Amino acid sequence: MKEFIENIVKHLVNKPENVHIDQIIGEYTTVLEMHVESSDIGKVIGRNGQMANSLRTLLAAASAKQNKKKYVLEIITAPKKERSKIF
């Protein structure tokens, strides 16, 4: 799932090299923390959150087909000071 969402998002943003997804696996839920450049956050969230909701819908549909585990997508942008630590 991580690669699926990462591939979609990299085609949406201006700086695909700064897209990074961390996966936190739990017993029933897996959290995908997506880190993007602050200048690309609007493209990932979209107007009124429509793009983010679409990404979450795709994630839910793909995970339902694969397995019963739930996936949660969190979109994170880091301040410029911390960005070098993340990427």
PDB file of N, CA and C in Angstrom:
ATOM      1  N   MET A   1       0.819  -1.200   0.000  1.00  0.00           N
ATOM      2  CA  MET A   1       0.000   0.000   0.000  1.00  0.00           C
ATOM      3  C   MET A   1       0.862   1.264   0.000  1.00  0.00           C
ATOM      4  N   LYS A   2       1.964   1.190   0.742  1.00  0.00           N
ATOM      5  CA  LYS A   2       2.864   2.340   0.834  1.00  0.00           C
ATOM      6  C   LYS A   2       3.335   2.770  -0.555  1.00  0.00           C
ATOM      7  N   GLU A   3       3.773   1.817  -1.352  1.00  0.00           N
ATOM      8  CA  GLU A   3       4.279   2.118  -2.688  1.00  0.00           C
ATOM      9  C   GLU A   3       3.164   2.637  -3.595  1.00  0.00           C
ATOM     10  N   PHE A   4       1.964   2.109  -3.424  1.00  0.00           N
ATOM     11  CA  PHE A   4       0.807   2.519  -4.222  1.00  0.00           C
ATOM     12  C   PHE A   4       0.517   4.010  -4.023  1.00  0.00           C
ATOM     13  N   ILE A   5       0.400   4.448  -2.776  1.00  0.00           N
ATOM     14  CA  ILE A   5       0.108   5.850  -2.468  1.00  0.00           C
ATOM     15  C   ILE A   5       1.299   6.734  -2.840  1.00  0.00           C
ATOM     16  N   GLU A   6       2.499   6.269  -2.559  1.00  0.00           N
ATOM     17  CA  GLU A   6       3.698   7.053  -2.863  1.00  0.00           C
ATOM     18  C   GLU A   6       3.813   7.326  -4.369  1.00  0.00           C
ATOM     19  N   ASN A   7       3.512   6.337  -5.178  1.00  0.00           N
ATOM     20  CA  ASN A   7       3.565   6.491  -6.626  1.00  0.00           C
ATOM     21  C   ASN A   7       2.550   7.532  -7.113  1.00  0.00           C
ATOM     22  N   ILE A   8       1.352   7.497  -6.589  1.00  0.00           N
ATOM     23  CA  ILE A   8       0.320   8.469  -6.977  1.00  0.00           C
ATOM     24  C   ILE A   8       0.735   9.879  -6.585  1.00  0.00           C
ATOM     25  N   VAL A   9       1.183  10.049  -5.353  1.00  0.00           N
ATOM     26  CA  VAL A   9       1.527  11.378  -4.837  1.00  0.00           C
ATOM     27  C   VAL A   9       2.729  11.961  -5.574  1.00  0.00           C
ATOM     28  N   LYS A  10       3.702  11.145  -5.913  1.00  0.00           N
ATOM     29  CA  LYS A  10       4.883  11.640  -6.625  1.00  0.00           C
ATOM     30  C   LYS A  10       4.524  12.217  -7.988  1.00  0.00           C
ATOM     31  N   HIS A  11       3.430  11.753  -8.582  1.00  0.00           N
ATOM     32  CA  HIS A  11       2.984  12.293  -9.861  1.00  0.00           C
ATOM     33  C   HIS A  11       2.174  13.583  -9.698  1.00  0.00           C
ATOM     34  N   LEU A  12       1.772  13.895  -8.472  1.00  0.00           N
ATOM     35  CA  LEU A  12       0.973  15.093  -8.215  1.00  0.00           C
ATOM     36  C   LEU A  12       1.816  16.317  -7.869  1.00  0.00           C
ATOM     37  N   VAL A  13       2.959  16.115  -7.243  1.00  0.00           N
ATOM     38  CA  VAL A  13       3.725  17.221  -6.672  1.00  0.00           C
ATOM     39  C   VAL A  13       4.830  17.713  -7.607  1.00  0.00           C
ATOM     40  N   ASN A  14       5.361  18.904  -7.291  1.00  0.00           N
ATOM     41  CA  ASN A  14       6.466  19.479  -8.064  1.00  0.00           C
ATOM     42  C   ASN A  14       7.822  18.893  -7.660  1.00  0.00           C
ATOM     43  N   LYS A  15       7.937  18.485  -6.408  1.00  0.00           N
ATOM     44  CA  LYS A  15       9.207  17.953  -5.906  1.00  0.00           C
ATOM     45  C   LYS A  15       9.003  16.512  -5.429  1.00  0.00           C
ATOM     46  N   PRO A  16       8.919  15.553  -6.357  1.00  0.00           N
ATOM     47  CA  PRO A  16       8.658  14.162  -5.968  1.00  0.00           C
ATOM     48  C   PRO A  16       9.784  13.536  -5.144  1.00  0.00           C
ATOM     49  N   GLU A  17      10.988  14.081  -5.263  1.00  0.00           N
ATOM     50  CA  GLU A  17      12.102  13.534  -4.480  1.00  0.00           C
ATOM     51  C   GLU A  17      11.940  13.796  -2.983  1.00  0.00           C
ATOM     52  N   ASN A  18      11.069  14.738  -2.606  1.00  0.00           N
ATOM     53  CA  ASN A  18      10.842  15.061  -1.201  1.00  0.00           C
ATOM     54  C   ASN A  18       9.615  14.378  -0.621  1.00  0.00           C
ATOM     55  N   VAL A  19       9.022  13.462  -1.356  1.00  0.00           N
ATOM     56  CA  VAL A  19       7.887  12.691  -0.837  1.00  0.00           C
ATOM     57  C   VAL A  19       8.451  11.462  -0.143  1.00  0.00           C
ATOM     58  N   HIS A  20       8.049  11.275   1.107  1.00  0.00           N
ATOM     59  CA  HIS A  20       8.520  10.140   1.898  1.00  0.00           C
ATOM     60  C   HIS A  20       7.363   9.625   2.732  1.00  0.00           C
ATOM     61  N   ILE A  21       7.175   8.323   2.765  1.00  0.00           N
ATOM     62  CA  ILE A  21       6.083   7.739   3.541  1.00  0.00           C
ATOM     63  C   ILE A  21       6.664   6.774   4.563  1.00  0.00           C
ATOM     64  N   ASP A  22       6.319   6.989   5.838  1.00  0.00           N
ATOM     65  CA  ASP A  22       6.673   6.076   6.918  1.00  0.00           C
ATOM     66  C   ASP A  22       5.469   5.198   7.206  1.00  0.00           C
ATOM     67  N   GLN A  23       5.723   3.935   7.461  1.00  0.00           N
ATOM     68  CA  GLN A  23       4.650   2.985   7.712  1.00  0.00           C
ATOM     69  C   GLN A  23       4.749   2.505   9.154  1.00  0.00           C
ATOM     70  N   ILE A  24       3.679   2.682   9.913  1.00  0.00           N
ATOM     71  CA  ILE A  24       3.623   2.228  11.297  1.00  0.00           C
ATOM     72  C   ILE A  24       2.582   1.111  11.353  1.00  0.00           C
ATOM     73  N   ILE A  25       3.048  -0.097  11.584  1.00  0.00           N
ATOM     74  CA  ILE A  25       2.185  -1.268  11.517  1.00  0.00           C
ATOM     75  C   ILE A  25       1.693  -1.637  12.914  1.00  0.00           C
ATOM     76  N   GLY A  26       0.374  -1.725  13.044  1.00  0.00           N
ATOM     77  CA  GLY A  26      -0.258  -2.167  14.272  1.00  0.00           C
ATOM     78  C   GLY A  26      -0.968  -3.489  14.040  1.00  0.00           C
ATOM     79  N   GLU A  27      -1.631  -3.987  15.059  1.00  0.00           N
ATOM     80  CA  GLU A  27      -2.307  -5.279  14.945  1.00  0.00           C
ATOM     81  C   GLU A  27      -3.484  -5.223  13.976  1.00  0.00           C
ATOM     82  N   TYR A  28      -4.289  -4.164  14.070  1.00  0.00           N
ATOM     83  CA  TYR A  28      -5.474  -4.038  13.229  1.00  0.00           C
ATOM     84  C   TYR A  28      -5.389  -2.888  12.225  1.00  0.00           C
ATOM     85  N   THR A  29      -4.506  -1.946  12.469  1.00  0.00           N
ATOM     86  CA  THR A  29      -4.422  -0.743  11.637  1.00  0.00           C
ATOM     87  C   THR A  29      -2.970  -0.443  11.281  1.00  0.00           C
ATOM     88  N   THR A  30      -2.772   0.007  10.069  1.00  0.00           N
ATOM     89  CA  THR A  30      -1.467   0.489   9.632  1.00  0.00           C
ATOM     90  C   THR A  30      -1.602   1.970   9.304  1.00  0.00           C
ATOM     91  N   VAL A  31      -0.719   2.776   9.872  1.00  0.00           N
ATOM     92  CA  VAL A  31      -0.729   4.219   9.654  1.00  0.00           C
ATOM     93  C   VAL A  31       0.365   4.555   8.655  1.00  0.00           C
ATOM     94  N   LEU A  32      -0.008   5.277   7.610  1.00  0.00           N
ATOM     95  CA  LEU A  32       0.953   5.761   6.632  1.00  0.00           C
ATOM     96  C   LEU A  32       1.130   7.255   6.861  1.00  0.00           C
ATOM     97  N   GLU A  33       2.325   7.659   7.288  1.00  0.00           N
ATOM     98  CA  GLU A  33       2.632   9.068   7.512  1.00  0.00           C
ATOM     99  C   GLU A  33       3.362   9.581   6.276  1.00  0.00           C
ATOM    100  N   MET A  34       2.694  10.430   5.520  1.00  0.00           N
ATOM    101  CA  MET A  34       3.261  10.959   4.287  1.00  0.00           C
ATOM    102  C   MET A  34       3.855  12.337   4.548  1.00  0.00           C
ATOM    103  N   HIS A  35       5.149  12.468   4.282  1.00  0.00           N
ATOM    104  CA  HIS A  35       5.858  13.732   4.447  1.00  0.00           C
ATOM    105  C   HIS A  35       6.048  14.347   3.063  1.00  0.00           C
ATOM    106  N   VAL A  36       5.628  15.598   2.908  1.00  0.00           N
ATOM    107  CA  VAL A  36       5.779  16.300   1.633  1.00  0.00           C
ATOM    108  C   VAL A  36       6.364  17.683   1.878  1.00  0.00           C
ATOM    109  N   GLU A  37       6.903  18.253   0.840  1.00  0.00           N
ATOM    110  CA  GLU A  37       7.429  19.616   0.878  1.00  0.00           C
ATOM    111  C   GLU A  37       6.277  20.576   1.183  1.00  0.00           C
ATOM    112  N   SER A  38       6.546  21.608   1.962  1.00  0.00           N
ATOM    113  CA  SER A  38       5.482  22.553   2.337  1.00  0.00           C
ATOM    114  C   SER A  38       4.878  23.254   1.122  1.00  0.00           C
ATOM    115  N   SER A  39       5.662  23.432   0.059  1.00  0.00           N
ATOM    116  CA  SER A  39       5.125  24.077  -1.143  1.00  0.00           C
ATOM    117  C   SER A  39       4.180  23.153  -1.918  1.00  0.00           C
ATOM    118  N   ASP A  40       4.233  21.862  -1.657  1.00  0.00           N
ATOM    119  CA  ASP A  40       3.378  20.898  -2.353  1.00  0.00           C
ATOM    120  C   ASP A  40       2.179  20.445  -1.526  1.00  0.00           C
ATOM    121  N   ILE A  41       2.058  20.920  -0.322  1.00  0.00           N
ATOM    122  CA  ILE A  41       0.988  20.445   0.556  1.00  0.00           C
ATOM    123  C   ILE A  41      -0.393  20.735  -0.021  1.00  0.00           C
ATOM    124  N   GLY A  42      -0.565  21.860  -0.679  1.00  0.00           N
ATOM    125  CA  GLY A  42      -1.859  22.202  -1.274  1.00  0.00           C
ATOM    126  C   GLY A  42      -2.254  21.252  -2.389  1.00  0.00           C
ATOM    127  N   LYS A  43      -1.286  20.767  -3.143  1.00  0.00           N
ATOM    128  CA  LYS A  43      -1.580  19.821  -4.220  1.00  0.00           C
ATOM    129  C   LYS A  43      -1.991  18.466  -3.666  1.00  0.00           C
ATOM    130  N   VAL A  44      -1.426  18.094  -2.538  1.00  0.00           N
ATOM    131  CA  VAL A  44      -1.755  16.804  -1.939  1.00  0.00           C
ATOM    132  C   VAL A  44      -3.099  16.858  -1.218  1.00  0.00           C
ATOM    133  N   ILE A  45      -3.391  17.962  -0.558  1.00  0.00           N
ATOM    134  CA  ILE A  45      -4.662  18.079   0.162  1.00  0.00           C
ATOM    135  C   ILE A  45      -5.789  18.430  -0.802  1.00  0.00           C
ATOM    136  N   GLY A  46      -5.538  19.344  -1.725  1.00  0.00           N
ATOM    137  CA  GLY A  46      -6.563  19.723  -2.695  1.00  0.00           C
ATOM    138  C   GLY A  46      -7.551  20.724  -2.131  1.00  0.00           C
ATOM    139  N   ARG A  47      -8.410  21.199  -3.004  1.00  0.00           N
ATOM    140  CA  ARG A  47      -9.430  22.172  -2.600  1.00  0.00           C
ATOM    141  C   ARG A  47     -10.453  21.494  -1.696  1.00  0.00           C
ATOM    142  N   ASN A  48     -10.648  22.081  -0.517  1.00  0.00           N
ATOM    143  CA  ASN A  48     -11.575  21.538   0.487  1.00  0.00           C
ATOM    144  C   ASN A  48     -11.234  20.100   0.883  1.00  0.00           C
ATOM    145  N   GLY A  49      -9.990  19.701   0.718  1.00  0.00           N
ATOM    146  CA  GLY A  49      -9.555  18.360   1.113  1.00  0.00           C
ATOM    147  C   GLY A  49      -9.985  17.256   0.167  1.00  0.00           C
ATOM    148  N   GLN A  50     -10.401  17.618  -1.041  1.00  0.00           N
ATOM    149  CA  GLN A  50     -10.899  16.613  -1.978  1.00  0.00           C
ATOM    150  C   GLN A  50      -9.825  15.621  -2.415  1.00  0.00           C
ATOM    151  N   MET A  51      -8.607  16.094  -2.661  1.00  0.00           N
ATOM    152  CA  MET A  51      -7.543  15.187  -3.095  1.00  0.00           C
ATOM    153  C   MET A  51      -7.163  14.231  -1.965  1.00  0.00           C
ATOM    154  N   ALA A  52      -7.060  14.754  -0.740  1.00  0.00           N
ATOM    155  CA  ALA A  52      -6.736  13.904   0.409  1.00  0.00           C
ATOM    156  C   ALA A  52      -7.820  12.855   0.616  1.00  0.00           C
ATOM    157  N   ASN A  53      -9.080  13.246   0.491  1.00  0.00           N
ATOM    158  CA  ASN A  53     -10.173  12.291   0.633  1.00  0.00           C
ATOM    159  C   ASN A  53     -10.134  11.241  -0.469  1.00  0.00           C
ATOM    160  N   SER A  54      -9.781  11.647  -1.683  1.00  0.00           N
ATOM    161  CA  SER A  54      -9.670  10.702  -2.789  1.00  0.00           C
ATOM    162  C   SER A  54      -8.542   9.697  -2.541  1.00  0.00           C
ATOM    163  N   LEU A  55      -7.410  10.179  -2.042  1.00  0.00           N
ATOM    164  CA  LEU A  55      -6.300   9.275  -1.718  1.00  0.00           C
ATOM    165  C   LEU A  55      -6.706   8.280  -0.638  1.00  0.00           C
ATOM    166  N   ARG A  56      -7.431   8.748   0.364  1.00  0.00           N
ATOM    167  CA  ARG A  56      -7.890   7.863   1.442  1.00  0.00           C
ATOM    168  C   ARG A  56      -8.915   6.850   0.930  1.00  0.00           C
ATOM    169  N   THR A  57      -9.766   7.270  -0.006  1.00  0.00           N
ATOM    170  CA  THR A  57     -10.745   6.350  -0.593  1.00  0.00           C
ATOM    171  C   THR A  57     -10.044   5.263  -1.405  1.00  0.00           C
ATOM    172  N   LEU A  58      -9.055   5.651  -2.212  1.00  0.00           N
ATOM    173  CA  LEU A  58      -8.282   4.670  -2.970  1.00  0.00           C
ATOM    174  C   LEU A  58      -7.563   3.696  -2.042  1.00  0.00           C
ATOM    175  N   LEU A  59      -7.008   4.208  -0.971  1.00  0.00           N
ATOM    176  CA  LEU A  59      -6.307   3.376   0.002  1.00  0.00           C
ATOM    177  C   LEU A  59      -7.258   2.383   0.650  1.00  0.00           C
ATOM    178  N   ALA A  60      -8.443   2.841   1.025  1.00  0.00           N
ATOM    179  CA  ALA A  60      -9.434   1.961   1.654  1.00  0.00           C
ATOM    180  C   ALA A  60      -9.909   0.882   0.682  1.00  0.00           C
ATOM    181  N   ALA A  61     -10.145   1.258  -0.572  1.00  0.00           N
ATOM    182  CA  ALA A  61     -10.608   0.290  -1.562  1.00  0.00           C
ATOM    183  C   ALA A  61      -9.534  -0.760  -1.854  1.00  0.00           C
ATOM    184  N   ALA A  62      -8.297  -0.319  -2.009  1.00  0.00           N
ATOM    185  CA  ALA A  62      -7.211  -1.253  -2.295  1.00  0.00           C
ATOM    186  C   ALA A  62      -6.949  -2.184  -1.113  1.00  0.00           C
ATOM    187  N   SER A  63      -7.013  -1.675   0.107  1.00  0.00           N
ATOM    188  CA  SER A  63      -6.768  -2.511   1.284  1.00  0.00           C
ATOM    189  C   SER A  63      -7.916  -3.486   1.516  1.00  0.00           C
ATOM    190  N   ALA A  64      -9.143  -3.085   1.196  1.00  0.00           N
ATOM    191  CA  ALA A  64     -10.286  -3.988   1.353  1.00  0.00           C
ATOM    192  C   ALA A  64     -10.168  -5.169   0.400  1.00  0.00           C
ATOM    193  N   LYS A  65      -9.621  -4.921  -0.769  1.00  0.00           N
ATOM    194  CA  LYS A  65      -9.469  -5.990  -1.746  1.00  0.00           C
ATOM    195  C   LYS A  65      -8.336  -6.943  -1.345  1.00  0.00           C
ATOM    196  N   GLN A  66      -7.282  -6.398  -0.738  1.00  0.00           N
ATOM    197  CA  GLN A  66      -6.116  -7.202  -0.375  1.00  0.00           C
ATOM    198  C   GLN A  66      -6.298  -7.965   0.932  1.00  0.00           C
ATOM    199  N   ASN A  67      -6.718  -7.256   1.962  1.00  0.00           N
ATOM    200  CA  ASN A  67      -6.834  -7.880   3.290  1.00  0.00           C
ATOM    201  C   ASN A  67      -7.840  -7.122   4.142  1.00  0.00           C
ATOM    202  N   LYS A  68      -8.002  -7.557   5.352  1.00  0.00           N
ATOM    203  CA  LYS A  68      -8.983  -6.948   6.257  1.00  0.00           C
ATOM    204  C   LYS A  68      -8.396  -5.811   7.101  1.00  0.00           C
ATOM    205  N   LYS A  69      -7.107  -5.578   7.001  1.00  0.00           N
ATOM    206  CA  LYS A  69      -6.449  -4.557   7.806  1.00  0.00           C
ATOM    207  C   LYS A  69      -6.833  -3.160   7.333  1.00  0.00           C
ATOM    208  N   LYS A  70      -7.040  -2.245   8.271  1.00  0.00           N
ATOM    209  CA  LYS A  70      -7.396  -0.868   7.959  1.00  0.00           C
ATOM    210  C   LYS A  70      -6.133  -0.032   7.809  1.00  0.00           C
ATOM    211  N   TYR A  71      -6.147   0.883   6.844  1.00  0.00           N
ATOM    212  CA  TYR A  71      -5.036   1.801   6.618  1.00  0.00           C
ATOM    213  C   TYR A  71      -5.507   3.231   6.866  1.00  0.00           C
ATOM    214  N   VAL A  72      -4.648   4.017   7.515  1.00  0.00           N
ATOM    215  CA  VAL A  72      -4.927   5.417   7.803  1.00  0.00           C
ATOM    216  C   VAL A  72      -3.819   6.240   7.163  1.00  0.00           C
ATOM    217  N   LEU A  73      -4.204   7.298   6.441  1.00  0.00           N
ATOM    218  CA  LEU A  73      -3.229   8.171   5.786  1.00  0.00           C
ATOM    219  C   LEU A  73      -3.161   9.498   6.528  1.00  0.00           C
ATOM    220  N   GLU A  74      -1.971   9.840   6.998  1.00  0.00           N
ATOM    221  CA  GLU A  74      -1.713  11.120   7.655  1.00  0.00           C
ATOM    222  C   GLU A  74      -0.773  11.921   6.753  1.00  0.00           C
ATOM    223  N   ILE A  75      -1.130  13.170   6.483  1.00  0.00           N
ATOM    224  CA  ILE A  75      -0.302  14.040   5.646  1.00  0.00           C
ATOM    225  C   ILE A  75       0.439  15.013   6.545  1.00  0.00           C
ATOM    226  N   ILE A  76       1.768  15.010   6.446  1.00  0.00           N
ATOM    227  CA  ILE A  76       2.607  15.798   7.350  1.00  0.00           C
ATOM    228  C   ILE A  76       3.551  16.663   6.533  1.00  0.00           C
ATOM    229  N   THR A  77       3.679  17.913   6.937  1.00  0.00           N
ATOM    230  CA  THR A  77       4.701  18.772   6.355  1.00  0.00           C
ATOM    231  C   THR A  77       5.601  19.242   7.497  1.00  0.00           C
ATOM    232  N   ALA A  78       6.888  19.200   7.273  1.00  0.00           N
ATOM    233  CA  ALA A  78       7.847  19.556   8.314  1.00  0.00           C
ATOM    234  C   ALA A  78       8.310  20.995   8.117  1.00  0.00           C
ATOM    235  N   PRO A  79       8.552  21.703   9.217  1.00  0.00           N
ATOM    236  CA  PRO A  79       9.165  23.028   9.094  1.00  0.00           C
ATOM    237  C   PRO A  79      10.537  22.902   8.441  1.00  0.00           C
ATOM    238  N   LYS A  80      11.019  23.975   7.846  1.00  0.00           N
ATOM    239  CA  LYS A  80      12.291  23.932   7.111  1.00  0.00           C
ATOM    240  C   LYS A  80      13.453  23.473   7.980  1.00  0.00           C
ATOM    241  N   LYS A  81      13.460  23.800   9.254  1.00  0.00           N
ATOM    242  CA  LYS A  81      14.558  23.419  10.145  1.00  0.00           C
ATOM    243  C   LYS A  81      14.647  21.896  10.278  1.00  0.00           C
ATOM    244  N   GLU A  82      13.495  21.229  10.372  1.00  0.00           N
ATOM    245  CA  GLU A  82      13.482  19.792  10.611  1.00  0.00           C
ATOM    246  C   GLU A  82      13.506  18.983   9.318  1.00  0.00           C
ATOM    247  N   ARG A  83      13.310  19.600   8.183  1.00  0.00           N
ATOM    248  CA  ARG A  83      13.190  18.888   6.931  1.00  0.00           C
ATOM    249  C   ARG A  83      14.430  18.073   6.607  1.00  0.00           C
ATOM    250  N   SER A  84      15.600  18.573   6.941  1.00  0.00           N
ATOM    251  CA  SER A  84      16.829  17.852   6.635  1.00  0.00           C
ATOM    252  C   SER A  84      16.922  16.549   7.455  1.00  0.00           C
ATOM    253  N   LYS A  85      16.298  16.500   8.617  1.00  0.00           N
ATOM    254  CA  LYS A  85      16.309  15.284   9.429  1.00  0.00           C
ATOM    255  C   LYS A  85      15.401  14.225   8.830  1.00  0.00           C
ATOM    256  N   ILE A  86      14.315  14.638   8.224  1.00  0.00           N
ATOM    257  CA  ILE A  86      13.344  13.683   7.708  1.00  0.00           C
ATOM    258  C   ILE A  86      13.798  13.102   6.381  1.00  0.00           C
ATOM    259  N   PHE A  87      14.307  13.953   5.499  1.00  0.00           N
ATOM    260  CA  PHE A  87      14.635  13.479   4.157  1.00  0.00           C
ATOM    261  C   PHE A  87      16.064  13.089   4.130  1.00  0.00           C
TER     262      PHE A  87
END
